[in-house]
Protein backbone atom coordinates (compact mmCIF):
# COMPACT_ATOMS: atom_id res chain seq x y z
CA MET A 1 -37.88 -8.46 -35.56
CA HIS A 2 -37.05 -9.91 -38.98
CA PHE A 3 -34.58 -12.76 -39.01
CA ARG A 4 -31.81 -10.87 -40.97
CA SER A 5 -32.05 -8.19 -38.22
CA THR A 6 -31.63 -10.53 -35.49
CA VAL A 7 -28.63 -12.16 -37.12
CA THR A 8 -27.02 -8.58 -37.50
CA PHE A 9 -28.14 -7.68 -33.92
CA PHE A 10 -26.51 -10.93 -32.63
CA ILE A 11 -23.28 -10.53 -34.82
CA CYS A 12 -22.79 -6.97 -33.50
CA ASN A 13 -23.18 -7.65 -30.04
CA PHE A 14 -20.90 -10.74 -30.36
CA VAL A 15 -18.10 -8.87 -31.86
CA ALA A 16 -18.41 -6.09 -29.19
CA GLU A 17 -18.48 -8.39 -26.37
CA ILE A 18 -15.35 -10.48 -27.33
CA ASN A 19 -13.50 -7.80 -29.13
CA ILE A 20 -13.20 -10.28 -32.20
CA ASP A 21 -10.53 -9.04 -34.85
CA VAL A 22 -12.12 -7.26 -37.51
CA PHE A 23 -9.64 -8.81 -40.31
CA PHE A 24 -10.47 -12.36 -39.07
CA LEU A 25 -14.07 -11.45 -39.55
CA LEU A 26 -13.49 -10.41 -43.03
CA GLU A 27 -11.71 -13.69 -43.80
CA VAL A 28 -14.87 -15.75 -42.34
CA ALA A 29 -17.11 -13.66 -44.57
CA MET A 30 -15.09 -14.46 -47.69
CA PHE A 31 -14.69 -18.00 -46.86
CA VAL A 32 -18.44 -18.38 -46.29
CA ARG A 33 -19.07 -16.73 -49.51
CA GLU A 34 -16.68 -18.82 -51.53
CA THR A 35 -17.87 -22.15 -50.28
CA ASN A 36 -21.69 -21.63 -49.92
CA SER A 37 -22.34 -19.17 -52.97
CA SER A 38 -25.50 -21.31 -53.99
CA LYS A 39 -27.22 -20.87 -50.23
CA VAL A 40 -28.99 -18.02 -50.15
CA PHE A 41 -29.05 -17.69 -46.33
CA VAL A 42 -25.48 -18.29 -46.12
CA SER A 43 -24.88 -15.86 -48.83
CA ARG A 44 -26.97 -13.22 -46.95
CA LEU A 45 -24.95 -14.07 -43.72
CA CYS A 46 -22.02 -13.42 -45.59
CA TRP A 47 -22.83 -10.17 -46.36
CA GLN A 48 -23.91 -9.36 -42.81
CA LEU A 49 -20.62 -10.24 -41.85
CA LEU A 50 -19.03 -7.89 -44.16
CA LEU A 51 -21.65 -5.29 -43.35
CA VAL A 52 -20.73 -5.62 -39.29
CA ALA A 53 -16.94 -5.81 -40.30
CA VAL A 54 -17.19 -2.43 -41.99
CA MET A 55 -19.25 -0.97 -39.18
CA VAL A 56 -16.60 -2.27 -36.59
CA ILE A 57 -13.81 -0.62 -38.34
CA GLY A 58 -15.86 2.66 -38.57
CA CYS A 59 -16.89 2.53 -34.85
CA THR A 60 -13.31 1.70 -33.81
CA GLY A 61 -11.76 4.42 -35.80
CA GLY A 62 -14.22 6.81 -34.69
CA VAL A 63 -13.85 6.11 -31.18
CA ALA A 64 -10.18 6.48 -31.41
CA ALA A 65 -10.28 9.78 -33.23
CA CYS A 66 -12.91 10.78 -30.34
CA SER A 67 -10.48 9.44 -27.59
CA SER A 68 -7.37 11.25 -29.18
CA ASP A 69 -9.64 14.65 -29.74
CA ASP A 70 -10.30 14.22 -25.96
CA ASP A 71 -6.95 13.46 -25.07
CA ALA A 72 -5.79 16.43 -26.97
CA ALA A 73 -8.57 18.83 -25.09
CA GLY A 74 -7.25 17.58 -21.81
CA ARG A 75 -3.85 18.31 -22.92
CA GLN A 76 -4.98 21.90 -23.51
CA HIS A 77 -3.73 21.20 -19.99
CA THR A 78 -3.48 23.30 -16.98
CA VAL A 79 -0.66 25.67 -17.99
CA GLU A 80 -2.37 26.85 -21.22
CA ARG A 81 -5.64 27.74 -19.02
CA VAL A 82 -3.70 29.50 -16.38
CA ARG A 83 -2.20 31.68 -19.27
CA GLN A 84 -5.53 32.18 -20.85
CA ARG A 85 -6.92 33.16 -17.45
CA GLY A 86 -3.91 35.23 -16.59
CA THR A 87 -3.84 33.91 -12.75
CA LEU A 88 -2.41 30.69 -10.98
CA LEU A 89 -4.82 29.83 -8.20
CA VAL A 90 -2.95 28.62 -5.33
CA GLY A 91 -4.81 26.73 -2.28
CA THR A 92 -3.01 27.58 0.85
CA THR A 93 -4.01 27.25 4.72
CA GLY A 94 -2.86 30.68 5.50
CA ASP A 95 -2.17 29.43 9.24
CA TYR A 96 1.44 28.16 9.39
CA ARG A 97 3.93 30.73 10.01
CA PRO A 98 6.48 31.43 8.41
CA LEU A 99 5.46 29.20 5.39
CA SER A 100 2.11 30.60 4.53
CA PHE A 101 0.05 33.09 6.70
CA CYS A 102 -2.97 35.01 6.10
CA GLU A 103 -3.26 38.66 7.75
CA SER A 104 -6.55 40.03 9.26
CA ASP A 105 -6.64 42.20 5.73
CA GLY A 106 -6.75 39.18 3.69
CA SER A 107 -2.97 39.69 2.71
CA TYR A 108 -0.54 36.46 2.48
CA TRP A 109 3.20 36.05 3.47
CA GLY A 110 5.61 33.45 3.98
CA PHE A 111 8.11 31.27 2.42
CA GLY A 112 5.78 28.98 0.38
CA ILE A 113 3.92 32.21 -0.76
CA GLU A 114 7.17 33.37 -2.22
CA MET A 115 7.68 29.97 -4.03
CA ALA A 116 3.85 30.24 -5.40
CA ARG A 117 4.79 33.86 -6.90
CA ALA A 118 8.02 32.55 -8.57
CA ILE A 119 6.00 29.67 -10.11
CA ALA A 120 3.28 31.90 -11.19
CA SER A 121 6.09 34.55 -12.49
CA ARG A 122 7.52 31.96 -14.70
CA LEU A 123 4.18 31.37 -16.26
CA GLY A 124 3.91 35.06 -16.80
CA VAL A 125 0.76 35.40 -14.63
CA GLU A 126 -0.58 36.60 -11.02
CA ALA A 127 -0.67 34.16 -8.00
CA VAL A 128 -4.20 34.31 -6.32
CA PHE A 129 -4.49 32.66 -3.01
CA VAL A 130 -7.61 30.40 -2.14
CA LYS A 131 -7.91 29.74 1.40
CA THR A 132 -7.78 25.71 2.35
CA SER A 133 -7.50 23.90 5.42
CA TRP A 134 -5.55 20.71 6.85
CA PRO A 135 -8.62 18.96 7.34
CA THR A 136 -10.02 19.45 3.84
CA LEU A 137 -6.74 19.91 2.28
CA THR A 138 -7.06 16.49 -0.03
CA ALA A 139 -10.76 17.20 -0.67
CA ASP A 140 -10.25 20.76 -1.95
CA VAL A 141 -7.28 19.42 -4.19
CA LEU A 142 -9.54 16.78 -5.60
CA ALA A 143 -12.84 18.88 -5.71
CA ASP A 144 -15.17 19.10 -8.98
CA PRO A 145 -15.20 21.78 -10.05
CA GLN A 146 -11.29 22.59 -9.53
CA MET A 147 -10.96 25.07 -6.47
CA PHE A 148 -7.34 25.68 -7.41
CA ASP A 149 -4.47 24.90 -9.73
CA LEU A 150 -2.01 23.69 -6.87
CA ALA A 151 -1.51 23.73 -3.37
CA ILE A 152 1.45 25.14 -1.29
CA GLY A 153 2.81 25.95 2.10
CA GLY A 154 4.05 23.12 4.47
CA ILE A 155 2.67 20.29 2.51
CA THR A 156 5.09 17.14 3.08
CA ILE A 157 5.54 15.06 0.37
CA THR A 158 4.41 11.38 1.37
CA ASP A 159 3.53 8.17 -0.29
CA ALA A 160 -0.08 8.35 0.65
CA ARG A 161 -0.47 11.86 -1.20
CA ARG A 162 1.47 10.27 -4.30
CA GLU A 163 -1.11 7.63 -4.88
CA THR A 164 -4.04 9.72 -5.64
CA MET A 165 -2.07 13.02 -6.49
CA LEU A 166 0.97 14.63 -7.70
CA MET A 167 3.72 16.19 -5.75
CA SER A 168 6.88 18.25 -6.73
CA ASP A 169 10.11 17.80 -6.01
CA GLY A 170 11.23 18.87 -2.30
CA TYR A 171 12.23 22.65 -1.69
CA LEU A 172 12.42 22.95 1.86
CA ALA A 173 13.74 19.81 4.57
CA ASN A 174 11.14 18.92 7.12
CA GLY A 175 10.76 16.81 10.16
CA LYS A 176 8.38 16.61 13.44
CA THR A 177 9.55 18.26 16.63
CA ILE A 178 7.99 20.01 19.53
CA LEU A 179 7.44 23.58 21.18
CA CYS A 180 7.11 23.63 24.85
CA ARG A 181 7.51 26.25 27.67
CA ALA A 182 11.02 27.22 27.98
CA GLU A 183 11.25 26.59 31.45
CA GLU A 184 10.28 22.98 31.11
CA SER A 185 12.52 22.31 28.20
CA GLU A 186 14.79 20.23 30.04
CA ALA A 187 11.87 17.60 30.89
CA TYR A 188 11.28 16.88 27.22
CA ARG A 189 14.51 15.08 25.81
CA SER A 190 12.94 12.38 23.91
CA LEU A 191 9.54 11.09 22.62
CA ALA A 192 9.18 8.73 25.61
CA ASP A 193 9.61 11.97 27.90
CA ILE A 194 6.38 13.30 26.08
CA ASP A 195 4.55 10.07 25.79
CA ARG A 196 3.33 10.14 29.51
CA PRO A 197 -0.60 10.55 30.64
CA GLU A 198 0.43 13.63 32.49
CA VAL A 199 1.64 15.53 29.39
CA ARG A 200 -0.89 17.42 27.38
CA VAL A 201 -0.02 17.17 23.52
CA MET A 202 -1.86 19.96 21.40
CA VAL A 203 -2.33 19.53 17.53
CA ASN A 204 -3.99 20.97 14.70
CA PRO A 205 -6.74 18.81 13.28
CA GLY A 206 -6.48 16.66 10.02
CA GLY A 207 -2.83 16.68 9.04
CA LEU A 208 0.03 14.75 9.74
CA ASN A 209 0.74 16.55 13.16
CA GLU A 210 -2.16 15.00 14.35
CA LYS A 211 -1.59 11.63 12.74
CA PHE A 212 1.97 11.76 14.05
CA ALA A 213 0.63 12.21 17.62
CA ARG A 214 -2.27 9.52 17.26
CA ASP A 215 0.53 7.12 16.04
CA SER A 216 3.31 7.89 18.36
CA LEU A 217 1.90 9.01 21.85
CA THR A 218 -0.27 6.42 23.07
CA HIS A 219 -0.18 7.39 26.62
CA ALA A 220 -0.19 11.22 26.47
CA THR A 221 -3.50 13.13 26.25
CA VAL A 222 -3.69 14.59 22.83
CA ILE A 223 -5.77 17.63 22.47
CA VAL A 224 -7.12 18.87 18.88
CA HIS A 225 -7.32 22.73 18.44
CA GLN A 226 -8.79 23.95 15.42
CA GLN A 227 -6.82 27.06 14.76
CA ASN A 228 -3.01 26.02 14.26
CA GLU A 229 -1.48 29.69 14.40
CA GLU A 230 -3.07 29.48 18.02
CA ILE A 231 -1.51 26.63 19.52
CA PRO A 232 1.89 28.14 20.36
CA ARG A 233 0.45 31.01 22.46
CA LEU A 234 -1.68 28.21 24.16
CA ILE A 235 1.19 26.43 25.14
CA ALA A 236 3.00 29.41 26.60
CA GLU A 237 -0.05 30.33 28.59
CA GLY A 238 -0.32 26.87 30.09
CA ALA A 239 -3.54 25.55 28.23
CA ALA A 240 -1.20 22.45 27.16
CA ASP A 241 2.38 21.56 27.60
CA VAL A 242 3.62 20.60 24.09
CA MET A 243 2.84 21.29 20.54
CA ILE A 244 3.85 18.78 17.65
CA THR A 245 5.07 21.12 15.03
CA GLU A 246 7.77 21.16 12.38
CA ILE A 247 11.36 22.11 12.23
CA THR A 248 10.32 24.83 9.79
CA GLU A 249 7.60 26.02 12.02
CA ALA A 250 9.28 25.84 15.62
CA PRO A 251 11.98 28.46 15.13
CA TYR A 252 9.71 31.02 14.12
CA TYR A 253 7.73 30.99 17.29
CA VAL A 254 10.78 30.45 19.66
CA GLN A 255 12.35 33.71 18.04
CA HIS A 256 9.01 35.64 18.58
CA ASP A 257 8.07 34.44 22.06
CA SER A 258 10.43 33.97 24.82
CA ARG A 259 8.25 31.98 26.58
CA LEU A 260 8.83 29.13 24.17
CA ALA A 261 11.42 26.49 23.62
CA ALA A 262 12.19 23.87 20.91
CA PRO A 263 14.69 21.56 22.85
CA LEU A 264 14.61 18.71 19.89
CA LEU A 265 15.01 21.05 16.84
CA SER A 266 18.30 19.27 15.94
CA GLU A 267 16.91 15.83 16.75
CA PRO A 268 13.62 15.71 14.96
CA PHE A 269 11.49 12.49 15.07
CA THR A 270 11.11 12.29 11.37
CA HIS A 271 12.74 13.61 8.07
CA GLY A 272 11.04 14.67 4.90
CA GLU A 273 10.42 17.22 2.61
CA ILE A 274 7.94 19.83 1.70
CA GLY A 275 6.43 20.15 -1.69
CA VAL A 276 3.58 21.45 -4.01
CA LEU A 277 0.44 19.28 -4.20
CA MET A 278 -1.85 19.12 -7.12
CA ARG A 279 -4.45 16.88 -8.69
CA ARG A 280 -3.51 14.18 -11.26
CA GLY A 281 -3.61 15.06 -15.13
CA GLN A 282 -1.64 18.21 -14.42
CA ASP A 283 1.79 16.99 -15.62
CA ASP A 284 2.61 20.08 -17.87
CA LEU A 285 2.12 22.09 -14.79
CA LEU A 286 4.11 19.68 -12.29
CA ARG A 287 7.07 20.15 -15.07
CA GLU A 288 6.84 23.98 -14.94
CA VAL A 289 6.81 23.82 -10.96
CA ASN A 290 9.89 21.34 -10.80
CA ALA A 291 11.59 23.67 -13.48
CA VAL A 292 11.50 26.56 -10.99
CA ILE A 293 12.58 24.70 -8.14
CA ARG A 294 15.65 23.22 -9.91
CA GLN A 295 16.40 26.70 -11.37
CA MET A 296 16.20 28.27 -7.61
CA LYS A 297 18.64 25.22 -6.55
CA ASP A 298 20.95 26.17 -9.26
CA ASP A 299 21.05 30.02 -9.17
CA GLY A 300 21.08 30.20 -5.46
CA SER A 301 18.10 31.98 -4.84
CA LEU A 302 16.18 28.89 -2.99
CA ARG A 303 19.21 29.19 -0.37
CA CYS A 304 18.63 33.06 0.10
CA LEU A 305 15.08 32.41 0.52
CA HIS A 306 15.93 30.07 3.24
CA GLU A 307 18.20 32.49 4.80
CA ARG A 308 15.34 35.42 4.80
CA TYR A 309 13.11 33.02 6.75
CA GLU A 310 15.73 31.32 9.02
CA LEU A 311 15.19 28.22 7.56
CA LEU A 312 17.57 25.17 7.26
CA TYR A 313 18.85 24.86 3.91
CA ALA A 314 19.33 21.06 2.93
CA TYR A 315 20.28 21.43 -0.63
């Protein structure tokens, strides 16, 4: 390699490594030229400095332009993609009556399903539902290629989820409670009554119900059952004694199965809200979702939806 090329290579790498100010580089080059014009080597060096400065300016401008173009392409964003596609892809577990349930014919119904359709309507598209599960929910939201635009249906807003994903404003009050057999409802009046070795507690896997049971019930026998929608029936039949569930889910099963009771419904162990979950970088979609929630709160339609599903309205 020629000496001049070596100098150029060294200067380029030096500039890149220390992120030197380009205008300072220009000043150095001019100073070297003015004070050492009689020295051929230094004169050449100054021209090398000037050349590198121009290259840095060009590269920096090019990178900035490229970054700007990439940002603009990213901000073509979810809403535009959804409208071009004509459908809003909605991830949901389909096992959580009355918020999200998938019938044997593949049709979906529930409070969260109606919320999803309201969001899709605002965007001028149809909602298409994509099956996910509680154990795989986070991985499915973050999957690449993307599986769906947002997830809905009994998803509690938590700090842990907000650390890695986006969550909407709350649209439904939530909290942990229990289902048990009606004839044993007097036996379970507190968490301490449940946290005994002889009490069999059944939960679905991977979600906050299992986490709550593991964290709060260190003496009870925790049983994990894969199908959330089957657990109430199993409790009624005696396969377990207590189901950890939510105040949004328990009333539905009590109303539809006289063998069941929810003795702590008015005294939930936790307090929270349910919202819409999506991956980061979809702030435009998040704004649209929050706008729908605000509008439904303001015009009374959210309260009407609560009443239709016999859910507690907390707004």
